[in-house]
Amino acid sequence: MSEYRMERVGRLIQEKIGALIVEGRIKDPRVDPFLSVTRVQVSRDLSYADVYVSSYKSDEGLKKGVAGLQSAAGFIQAQLGSQMHTRQTPKLRFHEDESIKAGFDMVQKLGDLESEEHRQ
């Protein structure tokens, strides 16, 4: 399968899962609406999709959210199957991605450095 098509399928999966989270259609209480799907990597044969999830909240909340999404993977796959027009729907594997939190931490550190520089 071409790289372009795999990227398109990955973006579509990212969009659809993000919408399910924001709309509150995933009923697992561990899935926080502040979770964000940062990227999706789809295997060449569309059998698996690695979904990376991030949050700017606590690390414990992110771990719980990823566990909640993994337990709701069957429901999410069924929703994707009904909305996507592909021959097969990939099995979803959810992973923690700390990029948003790391970005917030970096901005805060830069702000601290800037305020320290103005004091001197």
PDB file of N, CA and C in Angstrom:
ATOM      1  N   MET A   1       0.851  -1.169   0.000  1.00  0.00           N
ATOM      2  CA  MET A   1       0.000   0.000   0.000  1.00  0.00           C
ATOM      3  C   MET A   1       0.900   1.236   0.000  1.00  0.00           C
ATOM      4  N   SER A   2       0.500   2.270  -0.692  1.00  0.00           N
ATOM      5  CA  SER A   2       1.328   3.464  -0.802  1.00  0.00           C
ATOM      6  C   SER A   2       1.391   4.230   0.519  1.00  0.00           C
ATOM      7  N   GLU A   3       2.490   4.919   0.720  1.00  0.00           N
ATOM      8  CA  GLU A   3       2.689   5.709   1.935  1.00  0.00           C
ATOM      9  C   GLU A   3       1.595   6.763   2.074  1.00  0.00           C
ATOM     10  N   TYR A   4       1.232   7.374   0.964  1.00  0.00           N
ATOM     11  CA  TYR A   4       0.213   8.419   0.997  1.00  0.00           C
ATOM     12  C   TYR A   4      -1.126   7.881   1.498  1.00  0.00           C
ATOM     13  N   ARG A   5      -1.505   6.714   1.048  1.00  0.00           N
ATOM     14  CA  ARG A   5      -2.777   6.133   1.472  1.00  0.00           C
ATOM     15  C   ARG A   5      -2.740   5.752   2.945  1.00  0.00           C
ATOM     16  N   MET A   6      -1.605   5.222   3.407  1.00  0.00           N
ATOM     17  CA  MET A   6      -1.485   4.872   4.828  1.00  0.00           C
ATOM     18  C   MET A   6      -1.581   6.126   5.692  1.00  0.00           C
ATOM     19  N   GLU A   7      -0.982   7.217   5.260  1.00  0.00           N
ATOM     20  CA  GLU A   7      -1.071   8.480   5.999  1.00  0.00           C
ATOM     21  C   GLU A   7      -2.501   8.988   6.036  1.00  0.00           C
ATOM     22  N   ARG A   8      -3.207   8.882   4.901  1.00  0.00           N
ATOM     23  CA  ARG A   8      -4.608   9.330   4.852  1.00  0.00           C
ATOM     24  C   ARG A   8      -5.470   8.507   5.793  1.00  0.00           C
ATOM     25  N   VAL A   9      -5.282   7.201   5.791  1.00  0.00           N
ATOM     26  CA  VAL A   9      -6.049   6.329   6.682  1.00  0.00           C
ATOM     27  C   VAL A   9      -5.716   6.665   8.136  1.00  0.00           C
ATOM     28  N   GLY A  10      -4.437   6.907   8.420  1.00  0.00           N
ATOM     29  CA  GLY A  10      -4.025   7.281   9.771  1.00  0.00           C
ATOM     30  C   GLY A  10      -4.659   8.581  10.226  1.00  0.00           C
ATOM     31  N   ARG A  11      -4.682   9.580   9.352  1.00  0.00           N
ATOM     32  CA  ARG A  11      -5.315  10.865   9.702  1.00  0.00           C
ATOM     33  C   ARG A  11      -6.813  10.696   9.910  1.00  0.00           C
ATOM     34  N   LEU A  12      -7.448   9.865   9.097  1.00  0.00           N
ATOM     35  CA  LEU A  12      -8.882   9.626   9.249  1.00  0.00           C
ATOM     36  C   LEU A  12      -9.170   8.941  10.583  1.00  0.00           C
ATOM     37  N   ILE A  13      -8.361   7.950  10.939  1.00  0.00           N
ATOM     38  CA  ILE A  13      -8.540   7.268  12.226  1.00  0.00           C
ATOM     39  C   ILE A  13      -8.331   8.259  13.365  1.00  0.00           C
ATOM     40  N   GLN A  14      -7.308   9.090  13.260  1.00  0.00           N
ATOM     41  CA  GLN A  14      -7.030  10.092  14.289  1.00  0.00           C
ATOM     42  C   GLN A  14      -8.221  11.034  14.465  1.00  0.00           C
ATOM     43  N   GLU A  15      -8.768  11.491  13.363  1.00  0.00           N
ATOM     44  CA  GLU A  15      -9.910  12.406  13.397  1.00  0.00           C
ATOM     45  C   GLU A  15     -11.136  11.748  14.032  1.00  0.00           C
ATOM     46  N   LYS A  16     -11.419  10.516  13.628  1.00  0.00           N
ATOM     47  CA  LYS A  16     -12.616   9.829  14.121  1.00  0.00           C
ATOM     48  C   LYS A  16     -12.505   9.487  15.612  1.00  0.00           C
ATOM     49  N   ILE A  17     -11.343   9.018  16.045  1.00  0.00           N
ATOM     50  CA  ILE A  17     -11.174   8.696  17.467  1.00  0.00           C
ATOM     51  C   ILE A  17     -11.231   9.974  18.297  1.00  0.00           C
ATOM     52  N   GLY A  18     -10.612  11.049  17.801  1.00  0.00           N
ATOM     53  CA  GLY A  18     -10.680  12.331  18.502  1.00  0.00           C
ATOM     54  C   GLY A  18     -12.116  12.805  18.665  1.00  0.00           C
ATOM     55  N   ALA A  19     -12.915  12.641  17.627  1.00  0.00           N
ATOM     56  CA  ALA A  19     -14.319  13.043  17.693  1.00  0.00           C
ATOM     57  C   ALA A  19     -15.082  12.192  18.714  1.00  0.00           C
ATOM     58  N   LEU A  20     -14.799  10.886  18.750  1.00  0.00           N
ATOM     59  CA  LEU A  20     -15.466  10.016  19.731  1.00  0.00           C
ATOM     60  C   LEU A  20     -15.125  10.441  21.153  1.00  0.00           C
ATOM     61  N   ILE A  21     -13.877  10.841  21.384  1.00  0.00           N
ATOM     62  CA  ILE A  21     -13.453  11.261  22.723  1.00  0.00           C
ATOM     63  C   ILE A  21     -14.136  12.570  23.106  1.00  0.00           C
ATOM     64  N   VAL A  22     -14.082  13.550  22.219  1.00  0.00           N
ATOM     65  CA  VAL A  22     -14.637  14.873  22.514  1.00  0.00           C
ATOM     66  C   VAL A  22     -16.148  14.822  22.698  1.00  0.00           C
ATOM     67  N   GLU A  23     -16.815  14.037  21.872  1.00  0.00           N
ATOM     68  CA  GLU A  23     -18.271  13.941  21.944  1.00  0.00           C
ATOM     69  C   GLU A  23     -18.738  13.131  23.151  1.00  0.00           C
ATOM     70  N   GLY A  24     -17.817  12.462  23.837  1.00  0.00           N
ATOM     71  CA  GLY A  24     -18.185  11.670  25.009  1.00  0.00           C
ATOM     72  C   GLY A  24     -18.885  10.370  24.671  1.00  0.00           C
ATOM     73  N   ARG A  25     -18.660   9.842  23.475  1.00  0.00           N
ATOM     74  CA  ARG A  25     -19.333   8.606  23.066  1.00  0.00           C
ATOM     75  C   ARG A  25     -18.663   7.371  23.642  1.00  0.00           C
ATOM     76  N   ILE A  26     -17.440   7.527  24.139  1.00  0.00           N
ATOM     77  CA  ILE A  26     -16.766   6.419  24.817  1.00  0.00           C
ATOM     78  C   ILE A  26     -17.130   6.534  26.284  1.00  0.00           C
ATOM     79  N   LYS A  27     -17.891   5.599  26.775  1.00  0.00           N
ATOM     80  CA  LYS A  27     -18.496   5.705  28.098  1.00  0.00           C
ATOM     81  C   LYS A  27     -17.584   5.305  29.245  1.00  0.00           C
ATOM     82  N   ASP A  28     -16.393   4.848  28.966  1.00  0.00           N
ATOM     83  CA  ASP A  28     -15.469   4.455  30.030  1.00  0.00           C
ATOM     84  C   ASP A  28     -15.099   5.704  30.839  1.00  0.00           C
ATOM     85  N   PRO A  29     -15.268   5.678  32.162  1.00  0.00           N
ATOM     86  CA  PRO A  29     -14.989   6.872  32.969  1.00  0.00           C
ATOM     87  C   PRO A  29     -13.513   7.270  32.988  1.00  0.00           C
ATOM     88  N   ARG A  30     -12.629   6.376  32.590  1.00  0.00           N
ATOM     89  CA  ARG A  30     -11.203   6.707  32.561  1.00  0.00           C
ATOM     90  C   ARG A  30     -10.833   7.571  31.369  1.00  0.00           C
ATOM     91  N   VAL A  31     -11.696   7.600  30.354  1.00  0.00           N
ATOM     92  CA  VAL A  31     -11.414   8.369  29.144  1.00  0.00           C
ATOM     93  C   VAL A  31     -11.860   9.810  29.363  1.00  0.00           C
ATOM     94  N   ASP A  32     -10.883  10.677  29.520  1.00  0.00           N
ATOM     95  CA  ASP A  32     -11.084  12.091  29.800  1.00  0.00           C
ATOM     96  C   ASP A  32     -11.246  12.853  28.486  1.00  0.00           C
ATOM     97  N   PRO A  33     -12.165  13.813  28.411  1.00  0.00           N
ATOM     98  CA  PRO A  33     -12.303  14.582  27.167  1.00  0.00           C
ATOM     99  C   PRO A  33     -11.070  15.428  26.837  1.00  0.00           C
ATOM    100  N   PHE A  34     -10.138  15.549  27.789  1.00  0.00           N
ATOM    101  CA  PHE A  34      -8.915  16.310  27.533  1.00  0.00           C
ATOM    102  C   PHE A  34      -7.813  15.454  26.924  1.00  0.00           C
ATOM    103  N   LEU A  35      -8.101  14.190  26.635  1.00  0.00           N
ATOM    104  CA  LEU A  35      -7.137  13.353  25.928  1.00  0.00           C
ATOM    105  C   LEU A  35      -7.080  13.796  24.469  1.00  0.00           C
ATOM    106  N   SER A  36      -5.905  13.705  23.898  1.00  0.00           N
ATOM    107  CA  SER A  36      -5.722  14.129  22.519  1.00  0.00           C
ATOM    108  C   SER A  36      -4.974  13.040  21.753  1.00  0.00           C
ATOM    109  N   VAL A  37      -5.482  12.690  20.593  1.00  0.00           N
ATOM    110  CA  VAL A  37      -4.798  11.727  19.735  1.00  0.00           C
ATOM    111  C   VAL A  37      -3.759  12.508  18.933  1.00  0.00           C
ATOM    112  N   THR A  38      -2.479  12.246  19.201  1.00  0.00           N
ATOM    113  CA  THR A  38      -1.421  13.031  18.573  1.00  0.00           C
ATOM    114  C   THR A  38      -1.014  12.482  17.214  1.00  0.00           C
ATOM    115  N   ARG A  39      -1.012  11.167  17.068  1.00  0.00           N
ATOM    116  CA  ARG A  39      -0.654  10.575  15.769  1.00  0.00           C
ATOM    117  C   ARG A  39      -1.123   9.134  15.725  1.00  0.00           C
ATOM    118  N   VAL A  40      -1.217   8.628  14.516  1.00  0.00           N
ATOM    119  CA  VAL A  40      -1.614   7.242  14.281  1.00  0.00           C
ATOM    120  C   VAL A  40      -0.682   6.676  13.226  1.00  0.00           C
ATOM    121  N   GLN A  41      -0.086   5.534  13.529  1.00  0.00           N
ATOM    122  CA  GLN A  41       0.756   4.838  12.556  1.00  0.00           C
ATOM    123  C   GLN A  41       0.051   3.549  12.160  1.00  0.00           C
ATOM    124  N   VAL A  42      -0.223   3.427  10.883  1.00  0.00           N
ATOM    125  CA  VAL A  42      -0.956   2.278  10.362  1.00  0.00           C
ATOM    126  C   VAL A  42       0.040   1.326   9.707  1.00  0.00           C
ATOM    127  N   SER A  43      -0.135   0.016   9.968  1.00  0.00           N
ATOM    128  CA  SER A  43       0.746  -0.972   9.332  1.00  0.00           C
ATOM    129  C   SER A  43       0.439  -1.033   7.832  1.00  0.00           C
ATOM    130  N   ARG A  44       1.391  -1.540   7.074  1.00  0.00           N
ATOM    131  CA  ARG A  44       1.250  -1.584   5.614  1.00  0.00           C
ATOM    132  C   ARG A  44       0.021  -2.361   5.151  1.00  0.00           C
ATOM    133  N   ASP A  45      -0.311  -3.429   5.856  1.00  0.00           N
ATOM    134  CA  ASP A  45      -1.448  -4.251   5.437  1.00  0.00           C
ATOM    135  C   ASP A  45      -2.753  -3.861   6.139  1.00  0.00           C
ATOM    136  N   LEU A  46      -2.753  -2.743   6.844  1.00  0.00           N
ATOM    137  CA  LEU A  46      -3.917  -2.224   7.576  1.00  0.00           C
ATOM    138  C   LEU A  46      -4.417  -3.179   8.653  1.00  0.00           C
ATOM    139  N   SER A  47      -3.566  -4.069   9.137  1.00  0.00           N
ATOM    140  CA  SER A  47      -4.019  -4.980  10.177  1.00  0.00           C
ATOM    141  C   SER A  47      -3.948  -4.344  11.559  1.00  0.00           C
ATOM    142  N   TYR A  48      -3.018  -3.418  11.768  1.00  0.00           N
ATOM    143  CA  TYR A  48      -2.865  -2.757  13.058  1.00  0.00           C
ATOM    144  C   TYR A  48      -2.714  -1.258  12.871  1.00  0.00           C
ATOM    145  N   ALA A  49      -3.143  -0.524  13.902  1.00  0.00           N
ATOM    146  CA  ALA A  49      -2.908   0.918  13.952  1.00  0.00           C
ATOM    147  C   ALA A  49      -2.452   1.254  15.364  1.00  0.00           C
ATOM    148  N   ASP A  50      -1.278   1.855  15.472  1.00  0.00           N
ATOM    149  CA  ASP A  50      -0.770   2.304  16.761  1.00  0.00           C
ATOM    150  C   ASP A  50      -1.234   3.742  16.956  1.00  0.00           C
ATOM    151  N   VAL A  51      -2.039   3.946  17.993  1.00  0.00           N
ATOM    152  CA  VAL A  51      -2.632   5.247  18.275  1.00  0.00           C
ATOM    153  C   VAL A  51      -1.914   5.846  19.480  1.00  0.00           C
ATOM    154  N   TYR A  52      -1.332   7.026  19.303  1.00  0.00           N
ATOM    155  CA  TYR A  52      -0.601   7.697  20.371  1.00  0.00           C
ATOM    156  C   TYR A  52      -1.479   8.791  20.964  1.00  0.00           C
ATOM    157  N   VAL A  53      -1.647   8.720  22.284  1.00  0.00           N
ATOM    158  CA  VAL A  53      -2.562   9.602  22.997  1.00  0.00           C
ATOM    159  C   VAL A  53      -1.763  10.431  23.986  1.00  0.00           C
ATOM    160  N   SER A  54      -2.124  11.710  24.102  1.00  0.00           N
ATOM    161  CA  SER A  54      -1.427  12.600  25.017  1.00  0.00           C
ATOM    162  C   SER A  54      -2.445  13.434  25.785  1.00  0.00           C
ATOM    163  N   SER A  55      -1.966  14.025  26.872  1.00  0.00           N
ATOM    164  CA  SER A  55      -2.789  14.913  27.680  1.00  0.00           C
ATOM    165  C   SER A  55      -1.873  15.861  28.418  1.00  0.00           C
ATOM    166  N   TYR A  56      -2.364  17.050  28.687  1.00  0.00           N
ATOM    167  CA  TYR A  56      -1.545  17.977  29.455  1.00  0.00           C
ATOM    168  C   TYR A  56      -1.811  17.827  30.947  1.00  0.00           C
ATOM    169  N   LYS A  57      -2.720  16.940  31.302  1.00  0.00           N
ATOM    170  CA  LYS A  57      -2.999  16.668  32.714  1.00  0.00           C
ATOM    171  C   LYS A  57      -1.957  15.703  33.273  1.00  0.00           C
ATOM    172  N   SER A  58      -2.226  15.150  34.441  1.00  0.00           N
ATOM    173  CA  SER A  58      -1.256  14.311  35.149  1.00  0.00           C
ATOM    174  C   SER A  58      -0.905  13.044  34.370  1.00  0.00           C
ATOM    175  N   ASP A  59       0.275  12.509  34.687  1.00  0.00           N
ATOM    176  CA  ASP A  59       0.714  11.268  34.061  1.00  0.00           C
ATOM    177  C   ASP A  59      -0.217  10.117  34.420  1.00  0.00           C
ATOM    178  N   GLU A  60      -0.720  10.130  35.649  1.00  0.00           N
ATOM    179  CA  GLU A  60      -1.637   9.073  36.094  1.00  0.00           C
ATOM    180  C   GLU A  60      -2.939   9.122  35.286  1.00  0.00           C
ATOM    181  N   GLY A  61      -3.429  10.336  35.011  1.00  0.00           N
ATOM    182  CA  GLY A  61      -4.636  10.484  34.188  1.00  0.00           C
ATOM    183  C   GLY A  61      -4.429   9.979  32.777  1.00  0.00           C
ATOM    184  N   LEU A  62      -3.223  10.200  32.250  1.00  0.00           N
ATOM    185  CA  LEU A  62      -2.908   9.711  30.906  1.00  0.00           C
ATOM    186  C   LEU A  62      -2.867   8.191  30.889  1.00  0.00           C
ATOM    187  N   LYS A  63      -2.244   7.591  31.890  1.00  0.00           N
ATOM    188  CA  LYS A  63      -2.184   6.120  31.961  1.00  0.00           C
ATOM    189  C   LYS A  63      -3.589   5.524  32.049  1.00  0.00           C
ATOM    190  N   LYS A  64      -4.431   6.116  32.889  1.00  0.00           N
ATOM    191  CA  LYS A  64      -5.814   5.637  33.021  1.00  0.00           C
ATOM    192  C   LYS A  64      -6.582   5.820  31.717  1.00  0.00           C
ATOM    193  N   GLY A  65      -6.370   6.962  31.064  1.00  0.00           N
ATOM    194  CA  GLY A  65      -7.051   7.227  29.797  1.00  0.00           C
ATOM    195  C   GLY A  65      -6.679   6.237  28.717  1.00  0.00           C
ATOM    196  N   VAL A  66      -5.383   5.926  28.630  1.00  0.00           N
ATOM    197  CA  VAL A  66      -4.917   4.950  27.634  1.00  0.00           C
ATOM    198  C   VAL A  66      -5.494   3.575  27.945  1.00  0.00           C
ATOM    199  N   ALA A  67      -5.541   3.216  29.238  1.00  0.00           N
ATOM    200  CA  ALA A  67      -6.138   1.923  29.625  1.00  0.00           C
ATOM    201  C   ALA A  67      -7.627   1.893  29.278  1.00  0.00           C
ATOM    202  N   GLY A  68      -8.319   3.001  29.496  1.00  0.00           N
ATOM    203  CA  GLY A  68      -9.740   3.081  29.145  1.00  0.00           C
ATOM    204  C   GLY A  68      -9.969   2.969  27.647  1.00  0.00           C
ATOM    205  N   LEU A  69      -9.118   3.628  26.879  1.00  0.00           N
ATOM    206  CA  LEU A  69      -9.242   3.532  25.422  1.00  0.00           C
ATOM    207  C   LEU A  69      -8.951   2.113  24.938  1.00  0.00           C
ATOM    208  N   GLN A  70      -7.951   1.471  25.548  1.00  0.00           N
ATOM    209  CA  GLN A  70      -7.625   0.099  25.142  1.00  0.00           C
ATOM    210  C   GLN A  70      -8.776  -0.847  25.454  1.00  0.00           C
ATOM    211  N   SER A  71      -9.438  -0.631  26.600  1.00  0.00           N
ATOM    212  CA  SER A  71     -10.561  -1.511  26.929  1.00  0.00           C
ATOM    213  C   SER A  71     -11.777  -1.229  26.042  1.00  0.00           C
ATOM    214  N   ALA A  72     -11.861  -0.014  25.495  1.00  0.00           N
ATOM    215  CA  ALA A  72     -12.967   0.328  24.596  1.00  0.00           C
ATOM    216  C   ALA A  72     -12.578   0.153  23.129  1.00  0.00           C
ATOM    217  N   ALA A  73     -11.450  -0.499  22.870  1.00  0.00           N
ATOM    218  CA  ALA A  73     -10.952  -0.636  21.497  1.00  0.00           C
ATOM    219  C   ALA A  73     -11.957  -1.327  20.580  1.00  0.00           C
ATOM    220  N   GLY A  74     -12.655  -2.328  21.069  1.00  0.00           N
ATOM    221  CA  GLY A  74     -13.644  -3.022  20.246  1.00  0.00           C
ATOM    222  C   GLY A  74     -14.762  -2.091  19.797  1.00  0.00           C
ATOM    223  N   PHE A  75     -15.271  -1.285  20.715  1.00  0.00           N
ATOM    224  CA  PHE A  75     -16.311  -0.314  20.387  1.00  0.00           C
ATOM    225  C   PHE A  75     -15.784   0.704  19.371  1.00  0.00           C
ATOM    226  N   ILE A  76     -14.554   1.197  19.608  1.00  0.00           N
ATOM    227  CA  ILE A  76     -13.971   2.201  18.716  1.00  0.00           C
ATOM    228  C   ILE A  76     -13.766   1.611  17.321  1.00  0.00           C
ATOM    229  N   GLN A  77     -13.280   0.363  17.251  1.00  0.00           N
ATOM    230  CA  GLN A  77     -13.100  -0.296  15.953  1.00  0.00           C
ATOM    231  C   GLN A  77     -14.433  -0.456  15.231  1.00  0.00           C
ATOM    232  N   ALA A  78     -15.475  -0.795  15.955  1.00  0.00           N
ATOM    233  CA  ALA A  78     -16.798  -0.938  15.331  1.00  0.00           C
ATOM    234  C   ALA A  78     -17.267   0.405  14.771  1.00  0.00           C
ATOM    235  N   GLN A  79     -17.035   1.485  15.529  1.00  0.00           N
ATOM    236  CA  GLN A  79     -17.422   2.815  15.052  1.00  0.00           C
ATOM    237  C   GLN A  79     -16.621   3.204  13.816  1.00  0.00           C
ATOM    238  N   LEU A  80     -15.328   2.918  13.839  1.00  0.00           N
ATOM    239  CA  LEU A  80     -14.483   3.215  12.679  1.00  0.00           C
ATOM    240  C   LEU A  80     -14.930   2.409  11.462  1.00  0.00           C
ATOM    241  N   GLY A  81     -15.254   1.133  11.681  1.00  0.00           N
ATOM    242  CA  GLY A  81     -15.687   0.271  10.585  1.00  0.00           C
ATOM    243  C   GLY A  81     -16.937   0.779   9.908  1.00  0.00           C
ATOM    244  N   SER A  82     -17.855   1.353  10.702  1.00  0.00           N
ATOM    245  CA  SER A  82     -19.092   1.857  10.109  1.00  0.00           C
ATOM    246  C   SER A  82     -18.896   3.204   9.410  1.00  0.00           C
ATOM    247  N   GLN A  83     -17.840   3.939   9.779  1.00  0.00           N
ATOM    248  CA  GLN A  83     -17.629   5.271   9.204  1.00  0.00           C
ATOM    249  C   GLN A  83     -16.593   5.298   8.090  1.00  0.00           C
ATOM    250  N   MET A  84     -15.664   4.345   8.113  1.00  0.00           N
ATOM    251  CA  MET A  84     -14.619   4.312   7.094  1.00  0.00           C
ATOM    252  C   MET A  84     -15.034   3.375   5.966  1.00  0.00           C
ATOM    253  N   HIS A  85     -14.572   3.673   4.804  1.00  0.00           N
ATOM    254  CA  HIS A  85     -14.906   2.838   3.652  1.00  0.00           C
ATOM    255  C   HIS A  85     -13.657   2.069   3.221  1.00  0.00           C
ATOM    256  N   THR A  86     -13.209   1.174   4.092  1.00  0.00           N
ATOM    257  CA  THR A  86     -12.056   0.333   3.787  1.00  0.00           C
ATOM    258  C   THR A  86     -12.479  -1.126   3.910  1.00  0.00           C
ATOM    259  N   ARG A  87     -11.718  -1.976   3.296  1.00  0.00           N
ATOM    260  CA  ARG A  87     -12.033  -3.397   3.312  1.00  0.00           C
ATOM    261  C   ARG A  87     -11.943  -3.978   4.716  1.00  0.00           C
ATOM    262  N   GLN A  88     -10.943  -3.543   5.464  1.00  0.00           N
ATOM    263  CA  GLN A  88     -10.804  -4.033   6.830  1.00  0.00           C
ATOM    264  C   GLN A  88     -10.471  -2.864   7.747  1.00  0.00           C
ATOM    265  N   THR A  89     -10.890  -2.989   8.985  1.00  0.00           N
ATOM    266  CA  THR A  89     -10.589  -1.972   9.991  1.00  0.00           C
ATOM    267  C   THR A  89      -9.421  -2.472  10.823  1.00  0.00           C
ATOM    268  N   PRO A  90      -8.386  -1.663  10.980  1.00  0.00           N
ATOM    269  CA  PRO A  90      -7.217  -2.126  11.733  1.00  0.00           C
ATOM    270  C   PRO A  90      -7.515  -2.328  13.213  1.00  0.00           C
ATOM    271  N   LYS A  91      -6.817  -3.291  13.819  1.00  0.00           N
ATOM    272  CA  LYS A  91      -6.887  -3.458  15.271  1.00  0.00           C
ATOM    273  C   LYS A  91      -6.135  -2.299  15.896  1.00  0.00           C
ATOM    274  N   LEU A  92      -6.703  -1.727  16.940  1.00  0.00           N
ATOM    275  CA  LEU A  92      -6.133  -0.539  17.554  1.00  0.00           C
ATOM    276  C   LEU A  92      -5.281  -0.901  18.765  1.00  0.00           C
ATOM    277  N   ARG A  93      -4.117  -0.275  18.830  1.00  0.00           N
ATOM    278  CA  ARG A  93      -3.235  -0.413  19.993  1.00  0.00           C
ATOM    279  C   ARG A  93      -2.923   1.007  20.467  1.00  0.00           C
ATOM    280  N   PHE A  94      -3.270   1.288  21.705  1.00  0.00           N
ATOM    281  CA  PHE A  94      -3.107   2.637  22.246  1.00  0.00           C
ATOM    282  C   PHE A  94      -1.818   2.738  23.054  1.00  0.00           C
ATOM    283  N   HIS A  95      -1.129   3.880  22.894  1.00  0.00           N
ATOM    284  CA  HIS A  95       0.140   4.121  23.572  1.00  0.00           C
ATOM    285  C   HIS A  95       0.131   5.534  24.164  1.00  0.00           C
ATOM    286  N   GLU A  96       0.885   5.714  25.244  1.00  0.00           N
ATOM    287  CA  GLU A  96       1.040   7.037  25.839  1.00  0.00           C
ATOM    288  C   GLU A  96       2.025   7.860  25.018  1.00  0.00           C
ATOM    289  N   ASP A  97       1.693   9.119  24.819  1.00  0.00           N
ATOM    290  CA  ASP A  97       2.587  10.058  24.142  1.00  0.00           C
ATOM    291  C   ASP A  97       2.666  11.296  25.024  1.00  0.00           C
ATOM    292  N   GLU A  98       3.824  11.582  25.527  1.00  0.00           N
ATOM    293  CA  GLU A  98       3.990  12.672  26.485  1.00  0.00           C
ATOM    294  C   GLU A  98       4.370  13.981  25.805  1.00  0.00           C
ATOM    295  N   SER A  99       4.128  14.125  24.527  1.00  0.00           N
ATOM    296  CA  SER A  99       4.596  15.300  23.788  1.00  0.00           C
ATOM    297  C   SER A  99       3.900  16.591  24.215  1.00  0.00           C
ATOM    298  N   ILE A 100       2.591  16.573  24.446  1.00  0.00           N
ATOM    299  CA  ILE A 100       1.888  17.797  24.836  1.00  0.00           C
ATOM    300  C   ILE A 100       2.378  18.275  26.197  1.00  0.00           C
ATOM    301  N   LYS A 101       2.477  17.355  27.150  1.00  0.00           N
ATOM    302  CA  LYS A 101       2.952  17.717  28.479  1.00  0.00           C
ATOM    303  C   LYS A 101       4.389  18.216  28.410  1.00  0.00           C
ATOM    304  N   ALA A 102       5.239  17.589  27.616  1.00  0.00           N
ATOM    305  CA  ALA A 102       6.623  18.027  27.466  1.00  0.00           C
ATOM    306  C   ALA A 102       6.673  19.424  26.845  1.00  0.00           C
ATOM    307  N   GLY A 103       5.780  19.708  25.918  1.00  0.00           N
ATOM    308  CA  GLY A 103       5.709  21.041  25.313  1.00  0.00           C
ATOM    309  C   GLY A 103       5.324  22.099  26.330  1.00  0.00           C
ATOM    310  N   PHE A 104       4.315  21.809  27.164  1.00  0.00           N
ATOM    311  CA  PHE A 104       3.919  22.743  28.214  1.00  0.00           C
ATOM    312  C   PHE A 104       5.066  22.969  29.197  1.00  0.00           C
ATOM    313  N   ASP A 105       5.757  21.902  29.575  1.00  0.00           N
ATOM    314  CA  ASP A 105       6.890  22.026  30.498  1.00  0.00           C
ATOM    315  C   ASP A 105       7.989  22.888  29.887  1.00  0.00           C
ATOM    316  N   MET A 106       8.263  22.713  28.604  1.00  0.00           N
ATOM    317  CA  MET A 106       9.300  23.490  27.929  1.00  0.00           C
ATOM    318  C   MET A 106       8.926  24.971  27.892  1.00  0.00           C
ATOM    319  N   VAL A 107       7.682  25.280  27.581  1.00  0.00           N
ATOM    320  CA  VAL A 107       7.235  26.672  27.551  1.00  0.00           C
ATOM    321  C   VAL A 107       7.362  27.291  28.939  1.00  0.00           C
ATOM    322  N   GLN A 108       6.995  26.531  29.970  1.00  0.00           N
ATOM    323  CA  GLN A 108       7.104  27.037  31.335  1.00  0.00           C
ATOM    324  C   GLN A 108       8.570  27.297  31.704  1.00  0.00           C
ATOM    325  N   LYS A 109       9.470  26.396  31.343  1.00  0.00           N
ATOM    326  CA  LYS A 109      10.892  26.585  31.627  1.00  0.00           C
ATOM    327  C   LYS A 109      11.437  27.804  30.896  1.00  0.00           C
ATOM    328  N   LEU A 110      11.041  27.984  29.642  1.00  0.00           N
ATOM    329  CA  LEU A 110      11.485  29.165  28.891  1.00  0.00           C
ATOM    330  C   LEU A 110      10.960  30.449  29.525  1.00  0.00           C
ATOM    331  N   GLY A 111       9.721  30.411  29.984  1.00  0.00           N
ATOM    332  CA  GLY A 111       9.156  31.574  30.678  1.00  0.00           C
ATOM    333  C   GLY A 111       9.897  31.878  31.962  1.00  0.00           C
ATOM    334  N   ASP A 112      10.260  30.835  32.706  1.00  0.00           N
ATOM    335  CA  ASP A 112      11.029  31.015  33.942  1.00  0.00           C
ATOM    336  C   ASP A 112      12.398  31.619  33.644  1.00  0.00           C
ATOM    337  N   LEU A 113      13.046  31.133  32.590  1.00  0.00           N
ATOM    338  CA  LEU A 113      14.354  31.680  32.208  1.00  0.00           C
ATOM    339  C   LEU A 113      14.245  33.145  31.807  1.00  0.00           C
ATOM    340  N   GLU A 114      13.204  33.477  31.066  1.00  0.00           N
ATOM    341  CA  GLU A 114      13.012  34.853  30.624  1.00  0.00           C
ATOM    342  C   GLU A 114      12.758  35.774  31.807  1.00  0.00           C
ATOM    343  N   SER A 115      11.927  35.356  32.743  1.00  0.00           N
ATOM    344  CA  SER A 115      11.653  36.195  33.920  1.00  0.00           C
ATOM    345  C   SER A 115      12.903  36.331  34.793  1.00  0.00           C
ATOM    346  N   GLU A 116      13.709  35.279  34.880  1.00  0.00           N
ATOM    347  CA  GLU A 116      14.962  35.333  35.633  1.00  0.00           C
ATOM    348  C   GLU A 116      15.939  36.293  34.976  1.00  0.00           C
ATOM    349  N   GLU A 117      15.957  36.315  33.655  1.00  0.00           N
ATOM    350  CA  GLU A 117      16.856  37.209  32.912  1.00  0.00           C
ATOM    351  C   GLU A 117      16.471  38.671  33.131  1.00  0.00           C
ATOM    352  N   HIS A 118      15.180  38.959  33.205  1.00  0.00           N
ATOM    353  CA  HIS A 118      14.725  40.326  33.416  1.00  0.00           C
ATOM    354  C   HIS A 118      15.037  40.806  34.832  1.00  0.00           C
ATOM    355  N   ARG A 119      15.116  39.905  35.785  1.00  0.00           N
ATOM    356  CA  ARG A 119      15.433  40.265  37.167  1.00  0.00           C
ATOM    357  C   ARG A 119      16.885  40.703  37.308  1.00  0.00           C
ATOM    358  N   GLN A 120      17.759  40.179  36.471  1.00  0.00           N
ATOM    359  CA  GLN A 120      19.199  40.477  36.612  1.00  0.00           C
ATOM    360  C   GLN A 120      19.586  41.764  35.987  1.00  0.00           C
TER     361      GLN A 120
END
